[in-house]
ModelCIF file with pLDDT and N, C-alpha, C, O atoms, coordinates in Angstrom:
data_MODEL
#
_entry.id   MODEL 
#
_entity.id                         1 
_entity.type                       polymer 
_entity.pdbx_number_of_molecules   1 
#
_entity_poly.entity_id                      1 
_entity_poly.type                           'polypeptide(L)' 
_entity_poly.nstd_linkage                   no 
_entity_poly.nstd_monomer                   no 
_entity_poly.pdbx_seq_one_letter_code       
;(UNK)(UNK)(UNK)(UNK)(UNK)(UNK)(UNK)(UNK)(UNK)(UNK)(UNK)(UNK)(UNK)(UNK)(UNK)(UNK)
(UNK)(UNK)(UNK)(UNK)(UNK)(UNK)(UNK)(UNK)(UNK)(UNK)(UNK)(UNK)(UNK)(UNK)(UNK)(UNK)
(UNK)(UNK)(UNK)(UNK)(UNK)(UNK)(UNK)(UNK)
;
_entity_poly.pdbx_seq_one_letter_code_can   XXXXXXXXXXXXXXXXXXXXXXXXXXXXXXXXXXXXXXXX 
_entity_poly.pdbx_strand_id                 A 
#
loop_
_entity_poly_seq.entity_id 
_entity_poly_seq.num 
_entity_poly_seq.mon_id 
_entity_poly_seq.hetero 
1 1  UNK n 
1 2  UNK n 
1 3  UNK n 
1 4  UNK n 
1 5  UNK n 
1 6  UNK n 
1 7  UNK n 
1 8  UNK n 
1 9  UNK n 
1 10 UNK n 
1 11 UNK n 
1 12 UNK n 
1 13 UNK n 
1 14 UNK n 
1 15 UNK n 
1 16 UNK n 
1 17 UNK n 
1 18 UNK n 
1 19 UNK n 
1 20 UNK n 
1 21 UNK n 
1 22 UNK n 
1 23 UNK n 
1 24 UNK n 
1 25 UNK n 
1 26 UNK n 
1 27 UNK n 
1 28 UNK n 
1 29 UNK n 
1 30 UNK n 
1 31 UNK n 
1 32 UNK n 
1 33 UNK n 
1 34 UNK n 
1 35 UNK n 
1 36 UNK n 
1 37 UNK n 
1 38 UNK n 
1 39 UNK n 
1 40 UNK n 
#
_struct_asym.id          A 
_struct_asym.entity_id   1 
#
loop_
_ma_qa_metric.id 
_ma_qa_metric.mode 
_ma_qa_metric.name 
_ma_qa_metric.software_group_id 
_ma_qa_metric.type 
1 global pLDDT . pLDDT 
2 local  pLDDT . pLDDT 
#
_ma_qa_metric_global.metric_id      1 
_ma_qa_metric_global.metric_value   93.28 
_ma_qa_metric_global.model_id       1 
_ma_qa_metric_global.ordinal_id     1 
#
loop_
_ma_qa_metric_local.label_asym_id 
_ma_qa_metric_local.label_comp_id 
_ma_qa_metric_local.label_seq_id 
_ma_qa_metric_local.metric_id 
_ma_qa_metric_local.metric_value 
_ma_qa_metric_local.model_id 
_ma_qa_metric_local.ordinal_id 
A UNK 1  2 93.00 1 1  
A UNK 2  2 94.00 1 2  
A UNK 3  2 92.00 1 3  
A UNK 4  2 89.00 1 4  
A UNK 5  2 90.00 1 5  
A UNK 6  2 90.00 1 6  
A UNK 7  2 89.00 1 7  
A UNK 8  2 87.00 1 8  
A UNK 9  2 93.00 1 9  
A UNK 10 2 95.00 1 10 
A UNK 11 2 95.00 1 11 
A UNK 12 2 96.00 1 12 
A UNK 13 2 95.00 1 13 
A UNK 14 2 95.00 1 14 
A UNK 15 2 93.00 1 15 
A UNK 16 2 91.00 1 16 
A UNK 17 2 92.00 1 17 
A UNK 18 2 91.00 1 18 
A UNK 19 2 93.00 1 19 
A UNK 20 2 95.00 1 20 
A UNK 21 2 96.00 1 21 
A UNK 22 2 95.00 1 22 
A UNK 23 2 94.00 1 23 
A UNK 24 2 92.00 1 24 
A UNK 25 2 90.00 1 25 
A UNK 26 2 91.00 1 26 
A UNK 27 2 90.00 1 27 
A UNK 28 2 94.00 1 28 
A UNK 29 2 95.00 1 29 
A UNK 30 2 94.00 1 30 
A UNK 31 2 94.00 1 31 
A UNK 32 2 95.00 1 32 
A UNK 33 2 95.00 1 33 
A UNK 34 2 96.00 1 34 
A UNK 35 2 95.00 1 35 
A UNK 36 2 96.00 1 36 
A UNK 37 2 96.00 1 37 
A UNK 38 2 95.00 1 38 
A UNK 39 2 95.00 1 39 
A UNK 40 2 95.00 1 40 
#
loop_
_atom_site.group_PDB 
_atom_site.id 
_atom_site.type_symbol 
_atom_site.label_atom_id 
_atom_site.label_alt_id 
_atom_site.label_comp_id 
_atom_site.label_asym_id 
_atom_site.label_entity_id 
_atom_site.label_seq_id 
_atom_site.pdbx_PDB_ins_code 
_atom_site.Cartn_x 
_atom_site.Cartn_y 
_atom_site.Cartn_z 
_atom_site.occupancy 
_atom_site.B_iso_or_equiv 
_atom_site.pdbx_formal_charge 
_atom_site.auth_seq_id 
_atom_site.auth_comp_id 
_atom_site.auth_asym_id 
_atom_site.auth_atom_id 
_atom_site.pdbx_PDB_model_num 
ATOM 1   N N  . UNK A 1 1  ? 85.994 107.288 114.822 1.00 93.00 ? 1  UNK A N  1 
ATOM 2   C CA . UNK A 1 1  ? 85.334 108.570 115.052 1.00 93.00 ? 1  UNK A CA 1 
ATOM 3   C C  . UNK A 1 1  ? 84.742 109.081 113.745 1.00 93.00 ? 1  UNK A C  1 
ATOM 4   O O  . UNK A 1 1  ? 85.251 108.800 112.660 1.00 93.00 ? 1  UNK A O  1 
ATOM 5   N N  . UNK A 1 2  ? 83.668 109.826 113.872 1.00 94.00 ? 2  UNK A N  1 
ATOM 6   C CA . UNK A 1 2  ? 82.932 110.379 112.743 1.00 94.00 ? 2  UNK A CA 1 
ATOM 7   C C  . UNK A 1 2  ? 83.555 111.704 112.331 1.00 94.00 ? 2  UNK A C  1 
ATOM 8   O O  . UNK A 1 2  ? 83.805 112.571 113.168 1.00 94.00 ? 2  UNK A O  1 
ATOM 9   N N  . UNK A 1 3  ? 83.806 111.853 111.018 1.00 92.00 ? 3  UNK A N  1 
ATOM 10  C CA . UNK A 1 3  ? 84.364 113.093 110.480 1.00 92.00 ? 3  UNK A CA 1 
ATOM 11  C C  . UNK A 1 3  ? 83.220 113.859 109.815 1.00 92.00 ? 3  UNK A C  1 
ATOM 12  O O  . UNK A 1 3  ? 82.812 113.535 108.699 1.00 92.00 ? 3  UNK A O  1 
ATOM 13  N N  . UNK A 1 4  ? 82.712 114.868 110.504 1.00 89.00 ? 4  UNK A N  1 
ATOM 14  C CA . UNK A 1 4  ? 81.536 115.608 110.016 1.00 89.00 ? 4  UNK A CA 1 
ATOM 15  C C  . UNK A 1 4  ? 81.882 116.678 108.988 1.00 89.00 ? 4  UNK A C  1 
ATOM 16  O O  . UNK A 1 4  ? 80.988 117.362 108.490 1.00 89.00 ? 4  UNK A O  1 
ATOM 17  N N  . UNK A 1 5  ? 83.156 116.834 108.663 1.00 90.00 ? 5  UNK A N  1 
ATOM 18  C CA . UNK A 1 5  ? 83.559 117.902 107.734 1.00 90.00 ? 5  UNK A CA 1 
ATOM 19  C C  . UNK A 1 5  ? 83.341 117.535 106.270 1.00 90.00 ? 5  UNK A C  1 
ATOM 20  O O  . UNK A 1 5  ? 83.365 118.415 105.410 1.00 90.00 ? 5  UNK A O  1 
ATOM 21  N N  . UNK A 1 6  ? 83.133 116.276 105.973 1.00 90.00 ? 6  UNK A N  1 
ATOM 22  C CA . UNK A 1 6  ? 82.987 115.840 104.584 1.00 90.00 ? 6  UNK A CA 1 
ATOM 23  C C  . UNK A 1 6  ? 81.582 116.136 104.062 1.00 90.00 ? 6  UNK A C  1 
ATOM 24  O O  . UNK A 1 6  ? 80.601 116.013 104.796 1.00 90.00 ? 6  UNK A O  1 
ATOM 25  N N  . UNK A 1 7  ? 81.495 116.523 102.807 1.00 89.00 ? 7  UNK A N  1 
ATOM 26  C CA . UNK A 1 7  ? 80.211 116.793 102.161 1.00 89.00 ? 7  UNK A CA 1 
ATOM 27  C C  . UNK A 1 7  ? 79.855 115.622 101.257 1.00 89.00 ? 7  UNK A C  1 
ATOM 28  O O  . UNK A 1 7  ? 80.714 115.100 100.546 1.00 89.00 ? 7  UNK A O  1 
ATOM 29  N N  . UNK A 1 8  ? 78.607 115.213 101.279 1.00 87.00 ? 8  UNK A N  1 
ATOM 30  C CA . UNK A 1 8  ? 78.122 114.170 100.380 1.00 87.00 ? 8  UNK A CA 1 
ATOM 31  C C  . UNK A 1 8  ? 78.444 112.760 100.796 1.00 87.00 ? 8  UNK A C  1 
ATOM 32  O O  . UNK A 1 8  ? 78.044 111.812 100.120 1.00 87.00 ? 8  UNK A O  1 
ATOM 33  N N  . UNK A 1 9  ? 79.145 112.597 101.874 1.00 93.00 ? 9  UNK A N  1 
ATOM 34  C CA . UNK A 1 9  ? 79.445 111.255 102.346 1.00 93.00 ? 9  UNK A CA 1 
ATOM 35  C C  . UNK A 1 9  ? 79.648 111.280 103.861 1.00 93.00 ? 9  UNK A C  1 
ATOM 36  O O  . UNK A 1 9  ? 79.760 112.338 104.480 1.00 93.00 ? 9  UNK A O  1 
ATOM 37  N N  . UNK A 1 10 ? 79.692 110.095 104.422 1.00 95.00 ? 10 UNK A N  1 
ATOM 38  C CA . UNK A 1 10 ? 79.932 109.949 105.852 1.00 95.00 ? 10 UNK A CA 1 
ATOM 39  C C  . UNK A 1 10 ? 81.382 109.494 105.996 1.00 95.00 ? 10 UNK A C  1 
ATOM 40  O O  . UNK A 1 10 ? 81.771 108.471 105.433 1.00 95.00 ? 10 UNK A O  1 
ATOM 41  N N  . UNK A 1 11 ? 82.169 110.238 106.737 1.00 95.00 ? 11 UNK A N  1 
ATOM 42  C CA . UNK A 1 11 ? 83.578 109.906 106.889 1.00 95.00 ? 11 UNK A CA 1 
ATOM 43  C C  . UNK A 1 11 ? 83.879 109.373 108.273 1.00 95.00 ? 11 UNK A C  1 
ATOM 44  O O  . UNK A 1 11 ? 83.314 109.819 109.272 1.00 95.00 ? 11 UNK A O  1 
ATOM 45  N N  . UNK A 1 12 ? 84.783 108.405 108.308 1.00 96.00 ? 12 UNK A N  1 
ATOM 46  C CA . UNK A 1 12 ? 85.218 107.830 109.575 1.00 96.00 ? 12 UNK A CA 1 
ATOM 47  C C  . UNK A 1 12 ? 86.730 107.842 109.644 1.00 96.00 ? 12 UNK A C  1 
ATOM 48  O O  . UNK A 1 12 ? 87.415 107.473 108.690 1.00 96.00 ? 12 UNK A O  1 
ATOM 49  N N  . UNK A 1 13 ? 87.238 108.270 110.780 1.00 95.00 ? 13 UNK A N  1 
ATOM 50  C CA . UNK A 1 13 ? 88.664 108.196 111.060 1.00 95.00 ? 13 UNK A CA 1 
ATOM 51  C C  . UNK A 1 13 ? 88.888 106.980 111.955 1.00 95.00 ? 13 UNK A C  1 
ATOM 52  O O  . UNK A 1 13 ? 88.167 106.759 112.928 1.00 95.00 ? 13 UNK A O  1 
ATOM 53  N N  . UNK A 1 14 ? 89.903 106.202 111.598 1.00 95.00 ? 14 UNK A N  1 
ATOM 54  C CA . UNK A 1 14 ? 90.200 104.970 112.329 1.00 95.00 ? 14 UNK A CA 1 
ATOM 55  C C  . UNK A 1 14 ? 91.618 105.055 112.862 1.00 95.00 ? 14 UNK A C  1 
ATOM 56  O O  . UNK A 1 14 ? 92.542 105.398 112.125 1.00 95.00 ? 14 UNK A O  1 
ATOM 57  N N  . UNK A 1 15 ? 91.796 104.743 114.144 1.00 93.00 ? 15 UNK A N  1 
ATOM 58  C CA . UNK A 1 15 ? 93.139 104.694 114.725 1.00 93.00 ? 15 UNK A CA 1 
ATOM 59  C C  . UNK A 1 15 ? 93.962 103.657 113.978 1.00 93.00 ? 15 UNK A C  1 
ATOM 60  O O  . UNK A 1 15 ? 93.536 102.513 113.825 1.00 93.00 ? 15 UNK A O  1 
ATOM 61  N N  . UNK A 1 16 ? 95.137 104.055 113.513 1.00 91.00 ? 16 UNK A N  1 
ATOM 62  C CA . UNK A 1 16 ? 96.009 103.150 112.791 1.00 91.00 ? 16 UNK A CA 1 
ATOM 63  C C  . UNK A 1 16 ? 95.836 103.201 111.280 1.00 91.00 ? 16 UNK A C  1 
ATOM 64  O O  . UNK A 1 16 ? 96.541 102.507 110.547 1.00 91.00 ? 16 UNK A O  1 
ATOM 65  N N  . UNK A 1 17 ? 94.906 104.017 110.815 1.00 92.00 ? 17 UNK A N  1 
ATOM 66  C CA . UNK A 1 17 ? 94.649 104.154 109.378 1.00 92.00 ? 17 UNK A CA 1 
ATOM 67  C C  . UNK A 1 17 ? 94.786 105.628 109.026 1.00 92.00 ? 17 UNK A C  1 
ATOM 68  O O  . UNK A 1 17 ? 94.104 106.478 109.599 1.00 92.00 ? 17 UNK A O  1 
ATOM 69  N N  . UNK A 1 18 ? 95.670 105.925 108.083 1.00 91.00 ? 18 UNK A N  1 
ATOM 70  C CA . UNK A 1 18 ? 95.966 107.320 107.758 1.00 91.00 ? 18 UNK A CA 1 
ATOM 71  C C  . UNK A 1 18 ? 94.821 108.027 107.030 1.00 91.00 ? 18 UNK A C  1 
ATOM 72  O O  . UNK A 1 18 ? 94.564 109.208 107.262 1.00 91.00 ? 18 UNK A O  1 
ATOM 73  N N  . UNK A 1 19 ? 94.151 107.310 106.168 1.00 93.00 ? 19 UNK A N  1 
ATOM 74  C CA . UNK A 1 19 ? 93.099 107.954 105.378 1.00 93.00 ? 19 UNK A CA 1 
ATOM 75  C C  . UNK A 1 19 ? 91.737 107.847 106.059 1.00 93.00 ? 19 UNK A C  1 
ATOM 76  O O  . UNK A 1 19 ? 91.534 107.035 106.962 1.00 93.00 ? 19 UNK A O  1 
ATOM 77  N N  . UNK A 1 20 ? 90.817 108.685 105.605 1.00 95.00 ? 20 UNK A N  1 
ATOM 78  C CA . UNK A 1 20 ? 89.443 108.676 106.110 1.00 95.00 ? 20 UNK A CA 1 
ATOM 79  C C  . UNK A 1 20 ? 88.630 107.692 105.265 1.00 95.00 ? 20 UNK A C  1 
ATOM 80  O O  . UNK A 1 20 ? 88.718 107.705 104.037 1.00 95.00 ? 20 UNK A O  1 
ATOM 81  N N  . UNK A 1 21 ? 87.858 106.860 105.908 1.00 96.00 ? 21 UNK A N  1 
ATOM 82  C CA . UNK A 1 21 ? 86.968 105.939 105.202 1.00 96.00 ? 21 UNK A CA 1 
ATOM 83  C C  . UNK A 1 21 ? 85.698 106.705 104.865 1.00 96.00 ? 21 UNK A C  1 
ATOM 84  O O  . UNK A 1 21 ? 85.038 107.255 105.746 1.00 96.00 ? 21 UNK A O  1 
ATOM 85  N N  . UNK A 1 22 ? 85.364 106.733 103.575 1.00 95.00 ? 22 UNK A N  1 
ATOM 86  C CA . UNK A 1 22 ? 84.186 107.480 103.125 1.00 95.00 ? 22 UNK A CA 1 
ATOM 87  C C  . UNK A 1 22 ? 83.087 106.515 102.710 1.00 95.00 ? 22 UNK A C  1 
ATOM 88  O O  . UNK A 1 22 ? 83.297 105.599 101.915 1.00 95.00 ? 22 UNK A O  1 
ATOM 89  N N  . UNK A 1 23 ? 81.909 106.750 103.274 1.00 94.00 ? 23 UNK A N  1 
ATOM 90  C CA . UNK A 1 23 ? 80.725 105.953 102.980 1.00 94.00 ? 23 UNK A CA 1 
ATOM 91  C C  . UNK A 1 23 ? 79.699 106.882 102.356 1.00 94.00 ? 23 UNK A C  1 
ATOM 92  O O  . UNK A 1 23 ? 79.519 108.008 102.820 1.00 94.00 ? 23 UNK A O  1 
ATOM 93  N N  . UNK A 1 24 ? 79.027 106.425 101.312 1.00 92.00 ? 24 UNK A N  1 
ATOM 94  C CA . UNK A 1 24 ? 77.997 107.243 100.681 1.00 92.00 ? 24 UNK A CA 1 
ATOM 95  C C  . UNK A 1 24 ? 76.903 107.581 101.691 1.00 92.00 ? 24 UNK A C  1 
ATOM 96  O O  . UNK A 1 24 ? 76.516 106.740 102.502 1.00 92.00 ? 24 UNK A O  1 
ATOM 97  N N  . UNK A 1 25 ? 76.412 108.805 101.635 1.00 90.00 ? 25 UNK A N  1 
ATOM 98  C CA . UNK A 1 25 ? 75.328 109.223 102.523 1.00 90.00 ? 25 UNK A CA 1 
ATOM 99  C C  . UNK A 1 25 ? 74.057 108.430 102.263 1.00 90.00 ? 25 UNK A C  1 
ATOM 100 O O  . UNK A 1 25 ? 73.190 108.323 103.130 1.00 90.00 ? 25 UNK A O  1 
ATOM 101 N N  . UNK A 1 26 ? 73.956 107.873 101.056 1.00 91.00 ? 26 UNK A N  1 
ATOM 102 C CA . UNK A 1 26 ? 72.761 107.118 100.679 1.00 91.00 ? 26 UNK A CA 1 
ATOM 103 C C  . UNK A 1 26 ? 72.834 105.653 101.077 1.00 91.00 ? 26 UNK A C  1 
ATOM 104 O O  . UNK A 1 26 ? 71.843 104.932 100.962 1.00 91.00 ? 26 UNK A O  1 
ATOM 105 N N  . UNK A 1 27 ? 73.989 105.203 101.542 1.00 90.00 ? 27 UNK A N  1 
ATOM 106 C CA . UNK A 1 27 ? 74.138 103.812 101.963 1.00 90.00 ? 27 UNK A CA 1 
ATOM 107 C C  . UNK A 1 27 ? 73.288 103.539 103.200 1.00 90.00 ? 27 UNK A C  1 
ATOM 108 O O  . UNK A 1 27 ? 73.030 104.430 104.009 1.00 90.00 ? 27 UNK A O  1 
ATOM 109 N N  . UNK A 1 28 ? 72.864 102.293 103.324 1.00 94.00 ? 28 UNK A N  1 
ATOM 110 C CA . UNK A 1 28 ? 72.143 101.892 104.533 1.00 94.00 ? 28 UNK A CA 1 
ATOM 111 C C  . UNK A 1 28 ? 73.143 101.760 105.678 1.00 94.00 ? 28 UNK A C  1 
ATOM 112 O O  . UNK A 1 28 ? 74.354 101.727 105.455 1.00 94.00 ? 28 UNK A O  1 
ATOM 113 N N  . UNK A 1 29 ? 72.640 101.686 106.879 1.00 95.00 ? 29 UNK A N  1 
ATOM 114 C CA . UNK A 1 29 ? 73.508 101.502 108.044 1.00 95.00 ? 29 UNK A CA 1 
ATOM 115 C C  . UNK A 1 29 ? 74.266 100.188 107.910 1.00 95.00 ? 29 UNK A C  1 
ATOM 116 O O  . UNK A 1 29 ? 75.462 100.125 108.196 1.00 95.00 ? 29 UNK A O  1 
ATOM 117 N N  . UNK A 1 30 ? 73.565 99.128  107.472 1.00 94.00 ? 30 UNK A N  1 
ATOM 118 C CA . UNK A 1 30 ? 74.194 97.814  107.333 1.00 94.00 ? 30 UNK A CA 1 
ATOM 119 C C  . UNK A 1 30 ? 75.337 97.841  106.332 1.00 94.00 ? 30 UNK A C  1 
ATOM 120 O O  . UNK A 1 30 ? 76.436 97.377  106.635 1.00 94.00 ? 30 UNK A O  1 
ATOM 121 N N  . UNK A 1 31 ? 75.089 98.380  105.137 1.00 94.00 ? 31 UNK A N  1 
ATOM 122 C CA . UNK A 1 31 ? 76.175 98.418  104.151 1.00 94.00 ? 31 UNK A CA 1 
ATOM 123 C C  . UNK A 1 31 ? 77.287 99.355  104.625 1.00 94.00 ? 31 UNK A C  1 
ATOM 124 O O  . UNK A 1 31 ? 78.453 99.147  104.289 1.00 94.00 ? 31 UNK A O  1 
ATOM 125 N N  . UNK A 1 32 ? 76.943 100.366 105.391 1.00 95.00 ? 32 UNK A N  1 
ATOM 126 C CA . UNK A 1 32 ? 77.945 101.273 105.935 1.00 95.00 ? 32 UNK A CA 1 
ATOM 127 C C  . UNK A 1 32 ? 78.884 100.585 106.898 1.00 95.00 ? 32 UNK A C  1 
ATOM 128 O O  . UNK A 1 32 ? 80.101 100.706 106.767 1.00 95.00 ? 32 UNK A O  1 
ATOM 129 N N  . UNK A 1 33 ? 78.339 99.861  107.867 1.00 95.00 ? 33 UNK A N  1 
ATOM 130 C CA . UNK A 1 33 ? 79.238 99.216  108.829 1.00 95.00 ? 33 UNK A CA 1 
ATOM 131 C C  . UNK A 1 33 ? 79.990 98.058  108.190 1.00 95.00 ? 33 UNK A C  1 
ATOM 132 O O  . UNK A 1 33 ? 81.106 97.743  108.603 1.00 95.00 ? 33 UNK A O  1 
ATOM 133 N N  . UNK A 1 34 ? 79.384 97.410  107.174 1.00 96.00 ? 34 UNK A N  1 
ATOM 134 C CA . UNK A 1 34 ? 80.110 96.353  106.470 1.00 96.00 ? 34 UNK A CA 1 
ATOM 135 C C  . UNK A 1 34 ? 81.305 96.935  105.716 1.00 96.00 ? 34 UNK A C  1 
ATOM 136 O O  . UNK A 1 34 ? 82.386 96.347  105.710 1.00 96.00 ? 34 UNK A O  1 
ATOM 137 N N  . UNK A 1 35 ? 81.109 98.089  105.083 1.00 95.00 ? 35 UNK A N  1 
ATOM 138 C CA . UNK A 1 35 ? 82.189 98.723  104.331 1.00 95.00 ? 35 UNK A CA 1 
ATOM 139 C C  . UNK A 1 35 ? 83.315 99.193  105.257 1.00 95.00 ? 35 UNK A C  1 
ATOM 140 O O  . UNK A 1 35 ? 84.494 98.999  104.958 1.00 95.00 ? 35 UNK A O  1 
ATOM 141 N N  . UNK A 1 36 ? 82.948 99.805  106.372 1.00 96.00 ? 36 UNK A N  1 
ATOM 142 C CA . UNK A 1 36 ? 83.974 100.229 107.341 1.00 96.00 ? 36 UNK A CA 1 
ATOM 143 C C  . UNK A 1 36 ? 84.733 99.012  107.851 1.00 96.00 ? 36 UNK A C  1 
ATOM 144 O O  . UNK A 1 36 ? 85.960 99.040  107.941 1.00 96.00 ? 36 UNK A O  1 
ATOM 145 N N  . UNK A 1 37 ? 84.018 97.951  108.182 1.00 96.00 ? 37 UNK A N  1 
ATOM 146 C CA . UNK A 1 37 ? 84.658 96.734  108.696 1.00 96.00 ? 37 UNK A CA 1 
ATOM 147 C C  . UNK A 1 37 ? 85.623 96.142  107.670 1.00 96.00 ? 37 UNK A C  1 
ATOM 148 O O  . UNK A 1 37 ? 86.721 95.716  108.029 1.00 96.00 ? 37 UNK A O  1 
ATOM 149 N N  . UNK A 1 38 ? 85.225 96.112  106.399 1.00 95.00 ? 38 UNK A N  1 
ATOM 150 C CA . UNK A 1 38 ? 86.118 95.596  105.351 1.00 95.00 ? 38 UNK A CA 1 
ATOM 151 C C  . UNK A 1 38 ? 87.378 96.436  105.234 1.00 95.00 ? 38 UNK A C  1 
ATOM 152 O O  . UNK A 1 38 ? 88.484 95.907  105.120 1.00 95.00 ? 38 UNK A O  1 
ATOM 153 N N  . UNK A 1 39 ? 87.199 97.752  105.264 1.00 95.00 ? 39 UNK A N  1 
ATOM 154 C CA . UNK A 1 39 ? 88.362 98.649  105.161 1.00 95.00 ? 39 UNK A CA 1 
ATOM 155 C C  . UNK A 1 39 ? 89.315 98.447  106.335 1.00 95.00 ? 39 UNK A C  1 
ATOM 156 O O  . UNK A 1 39 ? 90.533 98.424  106.156 1.00 95.00 ? 39 UNK A O  1 
ATOM 157 N N  . UNK A 1 40 ? 88.763 98.302  107.527 1.00 95.00 ? 40 UNK A N  1 
ATOM 158 C CA . UNK A 1 40 ? 89.594 98.098  108.722 1.00 95.00 ? 40 UNK A CA 1 
ATOM 159 C C  . UNK A 1 40 ? 90.335 96.774  108.626 1.00 95.00 ? 40 UNK A C  1 
ATOM 160 O O  . UNK A 1 40 ? 91.087 96.420  109.535 1.00 95.00 ? 40 UNK A O  1 
#
């Protein structure tokens, strides 16, 4: 799920992961999903 409360970055909450994954707002969609996938 997308966490819209963060400023300057795109945050994602993942079931089973306590922390929020933060992606730079300037990242491309591709690098964003790659980063989330690596974190997961």
